[in-house]
Amino acid sequence: MKKQLSLFTLSSALLLTACADGDEPIEESDQNQAWNDIQDSGSMTVATAGTLFPTSYHSEENGLTGYEVELVRAVADQIGVEVEFEEIGVETMTQALNSGRVHLAANSLAITEERQKNFDFSTPYKFSYGSAIVRTEDLSGIETMEDLEGKIALGAMNTTYMQKAEEFGAIPTYFENVTNDVYLRSVENGRGDLVLNDYYLQSITVDSMPEIDVQIHPTLFYDPTEQGFMFAKDEPLLVDAINDALEKLLEDGTATALSEEFFDGHDVTELPDIDFE
């Protein structure tokens, strides 16, 4: 059965807009509130999209699952707490973190200098890079990133991938949390020319829908990224506890096994061997 899920709610692709004044001193009582809440309740609340195949999605057999969902569950086992997932959109995740509604976000979130101004991140557990879905017959007339000028790029609003497309002169058409087939069909029928996003997510999506005449562009690779769990600022005890657990799972092979299970044999815990120009 095909998975009708939206890979383009990528939190790796999230353009974080929450603001924080780095010059303001933080009261001691404000620090470690999330970790204290987790210790008191014995449970941590995690924001995830639930529509992002294969990292956070629903299957008929297992309900909510995916690489990051199962990695979070393994981390929770390591630190001895339960985990509850709150399935929300990418933009809402930043608000939920800052308000304390959730303790961390797990949704292919890229670690960038800009984002680190407002949020903290875990040790990276996924390494990836950008690619493009294009029409098979002519690669949508694209050879290099410069050819995006005047092309119609499809994606979710406020993502780094759409920002990248616009930087190269593409015309944006925004979709809101739609399923994978909507994006692929829209490229196939000419409503749009391309979709920029994460290589692993795109390649699995294209492979799962061979009846749609699109493909991954064979040479257009860019922006290698590191991805991790995202936290509100100034929760050092929580970040340290998650990192300790995560590093054990990376060292003992658990994270690799989960990656190979959900990413068709690929080990996304390792840096890709690609020569990026």
Protein backbone atom coordinates (compact mmCIF):
# COMPACT_ATOMS: atom_id res chain seq x y z
CA MET A 1 0.00 0.00 0.00
CA LYS A 2 1.40 3.40 -0.95
CA LYS A 3 2.09 5.81 1.86
CA GLN A 4 0.22 9.05 1.18
CA LEU A 5 2.32 11.26 3.39
CA SER A 6 3.92 14.66 3.13
CA LEU A 7 7.70 14.67 3.10
CA PHE A 8 7.63 18.40 2.50
CA THR A 9 6.66 19.36 6.01
CA LEU A 10 10.35 18.80 6.57
CA SER A 11 11.41 20.16 9.71
CA SER A 12 14.96 19.85 8.34
CA ALA A 13 13.62 22.51 6.11
CA LEU A 14 12.10 24.72 8.74
CA LEU A 15 12.92 28.44 8.68
CA LEU A 16 12.85 29.26 12.38
CA THR A 17 11.43 32.67 13.07
CA ALA A 18 11.05 32.63 16.85
CA CYS A 19 12.93 35.50 18.45
CA ALA A 20 15.12 35.58 21.52
CA ASP A 21 17.11 38.44 22.95
CA GLY A 22 20.59 37.03 23.54
CA ASP A 23 21.56 40.04 25.65
CA GLU A 24 18.89 39.45 28.27
CA PRO A 25 20.06 37.47 31.34
CA ILE A 26 18.11 34.29 31.98
CA GLU A 27 16.76 33.78 35.46
CA GLU A 28 18.02 30.64 37.19
CA SER A 29 14.42 29.53 37.80
CA ASP A 30 13.79 29.53 34.04
CA GLN A 31 16.56 27.03 33.35
CA ASN A 32 15.95 23.29 33.17
CA GLN A 33 12.17 23.63 33.50
CA ALA A 34 11.57 20.99 30.81
CA TRP A 35 13.89 18.49 32.50
CA ASN A 36 12.23 19.12 35.86
CA ASP A 37 8.81 18.54 34.30
CA ILE A 38 9.98 15.27 32.74
CA GLN A 39 11.41 14.07 36.03
CA ASP A 40 8.23 14.95 37.90
CA SER A 41 5.86 13.33 35.40
CA GLY A 42 8.05 10.46 34.20
CA SER A 43 7.15 11.37 30.61
CA MET A 44 8.45 13.65 27.88
CA THR A 45 6.33 15.23 25.16
CA VAL A 46 7.81 15.31 21.66
CA ALA A 47 6.60 17.36 18.70
CA THR A 48 6.62 15.60 15.34
CA ALA A 49 4.66 15.95 12.11
CA GLY A 50 3.34 12.40 11.74
CA THR A 51 3.16 12.97 7.97
CA LEU A 52 6.88 12.87 7.12
CA PHE A 53 7.74 9.53 5.54
CA PRO A 54 9.96 7.72 6.47
CA THR A 55 10.98 9.62 9.58
CA SER A 56 7.58 10.34 11.22
CA TYR A 57 4.46 8.79 9.71
CA HIS A 58 1.58 6.38 10.34
CA SER A 59 1.54 2.76 9.20
CA GLU A 60 -1.47 0.44 9.31
CA GLU A 61 0.49 -2.09 11.37
CA ASN A 62 2.27 0.13 13.91
CA GLY A 63 0.51 3.48 14.00
CA LEU A 64 2.93 6.38 14.46
CA THR A 65 6.41 5.21 13.51
CA GLY A 66 9.48 6.17 11.49
CA TYR A 67 13.21 6.64 11.96
CA GLU A 68 13.04 9.59 14.34
CA VAL A 69 9.90 8.37 16.14
CA GLU A 70 11.58 5.06 16.97
CA LEU A 71 14.86 6.80 17.82
CA VAL A 72 12.99 9.02 20.30
CA ARG A 73 11.40 5.93 21.85
CA ALA A 74 14.83 4.31 22.20
CA VAL A 75 16.18 7.49 23.84
CA ALA A 76 13.25 7.56 26.26
CA ASP A 77 13.98 3.93 27.21
CA GLN A 78 17.59 4.87 27.87
CA ILE A 79 16.66 7.65 30.30
CA GLY A 80 13.80 5.69 31.87
CA VAL A 81 10.77 7.80 30.94
CA GLU A 82 7.66 7.42 28.81
CA VAL A 83 7.21 9.42 25.62
CA GLU A 84 4.11 11.12 24.25
CA PHE A 85 3.99 12.54 20.73
CA GLU A 86 2.17 15.68 19.72
CA GLU A 87 1.61 15.73 15.97
CA ILE A 88 1.75 19.31 14.80
CA GLY A 89 2.93 21.35 11.84
CA VAL A 90 6.47 22.60 11.55
CA GLU A 91 5.76 26.26 12.29
CA THR A 92 3.76 25.31 15.39
CA MET A 93 6.71 23.31 16.75
CA THR A 94 8.74 26.44 17.46
CA GLN A 95 5.86 27.98 19.41
CA ALA A 96 5.26 24.74 21.29
CA LEU A 97 8.91 24.54 22.33
CA ASN A 98 9.09 28.12 23.50
CA SER A 99 5.84 27.87 25.45
CA GLY A 100 6.90 24.63 27.17
CA ARG A 101 4.03 22.68 25.60
CA VAL A 102 6.54 20.15 24.26
CA HIS A 103 9.98 19.24 25.54
CA LEU A 104 11.70 18.61 22.22
CA ALA A 105 10.98 18.39 18.49
CA ALA A 106 11.96 15.47 16.24
CA ASN A 107 11.29 16.12 12.58
CA SER A 108 14.42 16.11 10.36
CA LEU A 109 15.46 19.50 11.72
CA ALA A 110 18.67 20.84 10.21
CA ILE A 111 21.21 22.33 12.61
CA THR A 112 22.14 25.79 11.33
CA GLU A 113 23.85 28.81 12.85
CA GLU A 114 20.69 30.87 12.43
CA ARG A 115 18.53 28.33 14.23
CA GLN A 116 21.05 27.94 17.04
CA LYS A 117 20.50 31.58 17.92
CA ASN A 118 17.00 30.69 19.14
CA PHE A 119 17.08 26.96 19.87
CA ASP A 120 19.44 24.26 21.09
CA PHE A 121 20.11 20.98 19.29
CA SER A 122 21.19 17.48 20.17
CA THR A 123 24.15 15.58 18.84
CA PRO A 124 23.41 15.07 15.11
CA TYR A 125 21.98 11.65 14.21
CA LYS A 126 21.20 12.24 10.54
CA PHE A 127 23.41 13.61 7.78
CA SER A 128 21.85 14.48 4.48
CA TYR A 129 21.83 16.93 1.57
CA GLY A 130 19.43 18.61 -0.82
CA SER A 131 18.16 17.24 -4.11
CA ALA A 132 15.42 18.06 -6.62
CA ILE A 133 12.41 16.19 -7.98
CA VAL A 134 11.94 17.00 -11.67
CA ARG A 135 10.09 15.63 -14.71
CA THR A 136 11.74 12.56 -16.20
CA GLU A 137 11.41 13.51 -19.87
CA ASP A 138 13.46 16.71 -19.75
CA LEU A 139 14.62 17.14 -16.13
CA SER A 140 12.26 20.14 -16.17
CA GLY A 141 14.82 21.99 -18.28
CA ILE A 142 17.26 22.19 -15.36
CA GLU A 143 20.98 21.40 -15.42
CA THR A 144 22.36 23.66 -12.67
CA MET A 145 20.94 25.70 -9.82
CA GLU A 146 21.15 28.78 -12.04
CA ASP A 147 18.49 27.18 -14.28
CA LEU A 148 15.92 27.58 -11.48
CA GLU A 149 15.43 31.17 -12.71
CA GLY A 150 11.77 31.47 -13.71
CA LYS A 151 10.93 27.83 -12.87
CA ILE A 152 7.97 27.05 -10.60
CA ALA A 153 9.13 25.54 -7.29
CA LEU A 154 6.64 23.64 -5.13
CA GLY A 155 6.93 23.37 -1.35
CA ALA A 156 5.73 24.38 2.09
CA MET A 157 5.89 27.98 3.24
CA ASN A 158 8.78 29.09 5.46
CA THR A 159 11.17 26.27 4.60
CA THR A 160 14.85 26.63 3.82
CA TYR A 161 14.33 24.66 0.61
CA MET A 162 11.79 27.14 -0.73
CA GLN A 163 14.08 29.94 0.38
CA LYS A 164 16.87 28.30 -1.60
CA ALA A 165 14.66 28.04 -4.70
CA GLU A 166 13.71 31.71 -4.48
CA GLU A 167 17.33 32.73 -4.03
CA PHE A 168 18.00 31.24 -7.46
CA GLY A 169 15.02 33.02 -9.01
CA ALA A 170 12.38 30.28 -8.89
CA ILE A 171 8.70 31.25 -8.61
CA PRO A 172 7.20 29.71 -5.46
CA THR A 173 3.90 27.85 -5.28
CA TYR A 174 3.09 26.92 -1.70
CA PHE A 175 1.22 23.81 -0.54
CA GLU A 176 0.07 23.28 3.03
CA ASN A 177 0.85 19.84 4.53
CA VAL A 178 -0.32 17.87 1.49
CA THR A 179 0.62 14.27 0.71
CA ASN A 180 3.54 13.15 -1.42
CA ASP A 181 1.47 12.24 -4.45
CA VAL A 182 0.16 15.81 -4.72
CA TYR A 183 3.69 17.15 -5.14
CA LEU A 184 4.77 14.46 -7.58
CA ARG A 185 1.65 14.76 -9.73
CA SER A 186 2.01 18.54 -9.80
CA VAL A 187 5.53 18.24 -11.21
CA GLU A 188 4.45 15.55 -13.68
CA ASN A 189 1.51 17.56 -15.05
CA GLY A 190 3.43 20.84 -15.26
CA ARG A 191 1.72 22.71 -12.45
CA GLY A 192 5.22 23.04 -11.09
CA ASP A 193 8.72 22.30 -12.36
CA LEU A 194 10.58 21.04 -9.34
CA VAL A 195 10.62 20.36 -5.63
CA LEU A 196 13.75 20.93 -3.57
CA ASN A 197 14.11 18.83 -0.44
CA ASP A 198 16.07 16.17 1.44
CA TYR A 199 17.67 13.53 -0.83
CA TYR A 200 16.80 10.46 1.23
CA LEU A 201 13.19 11.46 1.74
CA GLN A 202 12.77 12.38 -1.91
CA SER A 203 14.40 9.24 -3.30
CA ILE A 204 12.25 6.93 -1.19
CA THR A 205 9.12 8.87 -2.11
CA VAL A 206 9.86 8.72 -5.85
CA ASP A 207 10.66 5.01 -5.65
CA SER A 208 7.37 4.33 -3.86
CA MET A 209 5.32 5.87 -6.71
CA PRO A 210 6.85 4.57 -9.96
CA GLU A 211 3.65 5.26 -11.89
CA ILE A 212 4.29 9.02 -11.60
CA ASP A 213 6.73 10.21 -14.26
CA VAL A 214 9.22 12.13 -12.13
CA GLN A 215 12.73 11.45 -10.84
CA ILE A 216 15.52 12.78 -8.65
CA HIS A 217 17.76 15.09 -10.67
CA PRO A 218 20.95 13.06 -11.30
CA THR A 219 23.50 15.80 -10.60
CA LEU A 220 21.79 18.57 -8.63
CA PHE A 221 23.03 18.03 -5.07
CA TYR A 222 23.69 20.83 -2.58
CA ASP A 223 23.76 21.97 1.05
CA PRO A 224 24.93 19.01 3.14
CA THR A 225 23.20 19.17 6.52
CA GLU A 226 23.35 17.75 10.01
CA GLN A 227 20.02 17.08 11.72
CA GLY A 228 19.13 16.61 15.37
CA PHE A 229 16.48 16.99 18.04
CA MET A 230 15.56 20.60 18.76
CA PHE A 231 15.02 22.12 22.23
CA ALA A 232 14.04 25.46 23.68
CA LYS A 233 17.04 27.51 24.76
CA ASP A 234 18.66 27.02 28.16
CA GLU A 235 17.64 23.47 29.04
CA PRO A 236 21.16 22.07 29.64
CA LEU A 237 20.11 19.12 31.82
CA LEU A 238 17.61 17.92 29.23
CA VAL A 239 20.06 18.35 26.35
CA ASP A 240 22.80 16.51 28.26
CA ALA A 241 20.50 13.61 29.18
CA ILE A 242 19.24 13.24 25.59
CA ASN A 243 22.77 13.45 24.19
CA ASP A 244 24.11 10.82 26.60
CA ALA A 245 21.34 8.43 25.55
CA LEU A 246 21.66 9.29 21.88
CA GLU A 247 25.42 8.77 21.82
CA LYS A 248 24.97 5.28 23.30
CA LEU A 249 22.47 4.44 20.56
CA LEU A 250 24.86 5.73 17.90
CA GLU A 251 27.76 3.76 19.35
CA ASP A 252 25.96 0.43 19.86
CA GLY A 253 24.47 0.37 16.34
CA THR A 254 20.84 0.94 17.31
CA ALA A 255 20.59 4.20 15.35
CA THR A 256 22.21 2.62 12.30
CA ALA A 257 19.83 -0.33 12.41
CA LEU A 258 16.83 2.02 12.58
CA SER A 259 18.22 4.06 9.70
CA GLU A 260 18.66 0.99 7.51
CA GLU A 261 15.15 -0.18 8.39
CA PHE A 262 13.43 3.05 7.41
CA PHE A 263 15.77 4.40 4.70
CA ASP A 264 15.98 1.36 2.46
CA GLY A 265 19.35 0.22 3.75
CA HIS A 266 20.99 3.66 3.88
CA ASP A 267 22.96 4.60 6.98
CA VAL A 268 22.04 8.26 7.47
CA THR A 269 24.10 8.42 10.67
CA GLU A 270 27.24 8.69 8.50
CA LEU A 271 28.40 11.67 6.45
CA PRO A 272 27.56 11.14 2.73
CA ASP A 273 30.50 10.49 0.42
CA ILE A 274 29.63 13.16 -2.16
CA ASP A 275 31.82 15.89 -3.64
CA PHE A 276 29.72 19.03 -3.22
CA GLU A 277 30.80 21.94 -5.36
